[in-house]
Amino acid sequence: MGVGQHRQSKSRVRKRRAMWKLTAPNHIECPQCHKPTLPHHICPSCGFYKAKEVVSMGE
């Protein structure tokens, strides 16, 4: 088990923790129904992925 030998300053700790921020997921427009969807995922509203119907929505 490691034991720190020297105290780290507040600025050094805060510089390291500055990268811990959350980022919102990117959304793209579905080419079929033009609703926002996550990239590389099946569209939840129309069921298409890469211009092919993967899931039948049963309209």
C-alpha atoms as a PDB file:
ATOM      1  CA  MET A   1       0.000   0.000   0.000  1.00  0.00           C
ATOM      2  CA  GLY A   2       1.471   3.296  -1.069  1.00  0.00           C
ATOM      3  CA  VAL A   3       2.051   6.082   1.414  1.00  0.00           C
ATOM      4  CA  GLY A   4       2.567   9.621   0.164  1.00  0.00           C
ATOM      5  CA  GLN A   5       5.935  11.080   1.146  1.00  0.00           C
ATOM      6  CA  HIS A   6       5.111  14.757   0.573  1.00  0.00           C
ATOM      7  CA  ARG A   7       1.949  16.804   0.730  1.00  0.00           C
ATOM      8  CA  GLN A   8       0.630  17.969  -2.635  1.00  0.00           C
ATOM      9  CA  SER A   9      -0.367  21.590  -2.919  1.00  0.00           C
ATOM     10  CA  LYS A  10      -3.984  22.606  -3.496  1.00  0.00           C
ATOM     11  CA  SER A  11      -3.211  23.955  -6.961  1.00  0.00           C
ATOM     12  CA  ARG A  12      -1.548  20.706  -8.062  1.00  0.00           C
ATOM     13  CA  VAL A  13      -4.517  18.641  -6.870  1.00  0.00           C
ATOM     14  CA  ARG A  14      -7.029  21.015  -8.466  1.00  0.00           C
ATOM     15  CA  LYS A  15      -5.174  20.981 -11.806  1.00  0.00           C
ATOM     16  CA  ARG A  16      -5.433  17.204 -11.887  1.00  0.00           C
ATOM     17  CA  ARG A  17      -9.103  17.194 -10.899  1.00  0.00           C
ATOM     18  CA  ALA A  18      -9.996  19.866 -13.472  1.00  0.00           C
ATOM     19  CA  MET A  19     -10.348  17.089 -16.080  1.00  0.00           C
ATOM     20  CA  TRP A  20     -13.052  15.240 -14.108  1.00  0.00           C
ATOM     21  CA  LYS A  21     -15.866  17.243 -15.693  1.00  0.00           C
ATOM     22  CA  LEU A  22     -18.872  15.582 -17.317  1.00  0.00           C
ATOM     23  CA  THR A  23     -19.689  16.121 -20.964  1.00  0.00           C
ATOM     24  CA  ALA A  24     -23.122  15.849 -22.536  1.00  0.00           C
ATOM     25  CA  PRO A  25     -23.518  13.156 -25.220  1.00  0.00           C
ATOM     26  CA  ASN A  26     -23.517  14.309 -28.825  1.00  0.00           C
ATOM     27  CA  HIS A  27     -26.728  14.020 -30.803  1.00  0.00           C
ATOM     28  CA  ILE A  28     -27.111  13.710 -34.558  1.00  0.00           C
ATOM     29  CA  GLU A  29     -30.152  14.018 -36.765  1.00  0.00           C
ATOM     30  CA  CYS A  30     -31.642  10.755 -37.994  1.00  0.00           C
ATOM     31  CA  PRO A  31     -31.583  10.759 -41.821  1.00  0.00           C
ATOM     32  CA  GLN A  32     -34.973   8.970 -41.972  1.00  0.00           C
ATOM     33  CA  CYS A  33     -37.191  10.765 -39.447  1.00  0.00           C
ATOM     34  CA  HIS A  34     -34.980  13.812 -38.664  1.00  0.00           C
ATOM     35  CA  LYS A  35     -35.216  13.387 -34.895  1.00  0.00           C
ATOM     36  CA  PRO A  36     -32.164  13.634 -32.607  1.00  0.00           C
ATOM     37  CA  THR A  37     -30.473  10.333 -31.817  1.00  0.00           C
ATOM     38  CA  LEU A  38     -27.142   9.124 -30.463  1.00  0.00           C
ATOM     39  CA  PRO A  39     -24.440   8.385 -33.039  1.00  0.00           C
ATOM     40  CA  HIS A  40     -23.822   4.685 -33.863  1.00  0.00           C
ATOM     41  CA  HIS A  41     -27.170   3.680 -32.308  1.00  0.00           C
ATOM     42  CA  ILE A  42     -30.496   2.555 -33.734  1.00  0.00           C
ATOM     43  CA  CYS A  43     -32.951   5.430 -33.962  1.00  0.00           C
ATOM     44  CA  PRO A  44     -35.491   4.904 -31.141  1.00  0.00           C
ATOM     45  CA  SER A  45     -38.326   6.557 -33.060  1.00  0.00           C
ATOM     46  CA  CYS A  46     -38.098   4.881 -36.492  1.00  0.00           C
ATOM     47  CA  GLY A  47     -35.830   1.832 -35.932  1.00  0.00           C
ATOM     48  CA  PHE A  48     -33.392   2.593 -38.767  1.00  0.00           C
ATOM     49  CA  TYR A  49     -29.588   2.299 -38.666  1.00  0.00           C
ATOM     50  CA  LYS A  50     -27.402   3.223 -41.666  1.00  0.00           C
ATOM     51  CA  ALA A  51     -30.445   3.545 -43.982  1.00  0.00           C
ATOM     52  CA  LYS A  52     -31.669   0.027 -43.160  1.00  0.00           C
ATOM     53  CA  GLU A  53     -34.651  -0.900 -41.002  1.00  0.00           C
ATOM     54  CA  VAL A  54     -33.212  -2.910 -38.116  1.00  0.00           C
ATOM     55  CA  VAL A  55     -36.169  -2.894 -35.732  1.00  0.00           C
ATOM     56  CA  SER A  56     -39.767  -2.901 -36.898  1.00  0.00           C
ATOM     57  CA  MET A  57     -41.742  -0.281 -35.009  1.00  0.00           C
ATOM     58  CA  GLY A  58     -45.137  -1.694 -36.081  1.00  0.00           C
ATOM     59  CA  GLU A  59     -47.048   1.374 -37.183  1.00  0.00           C
END
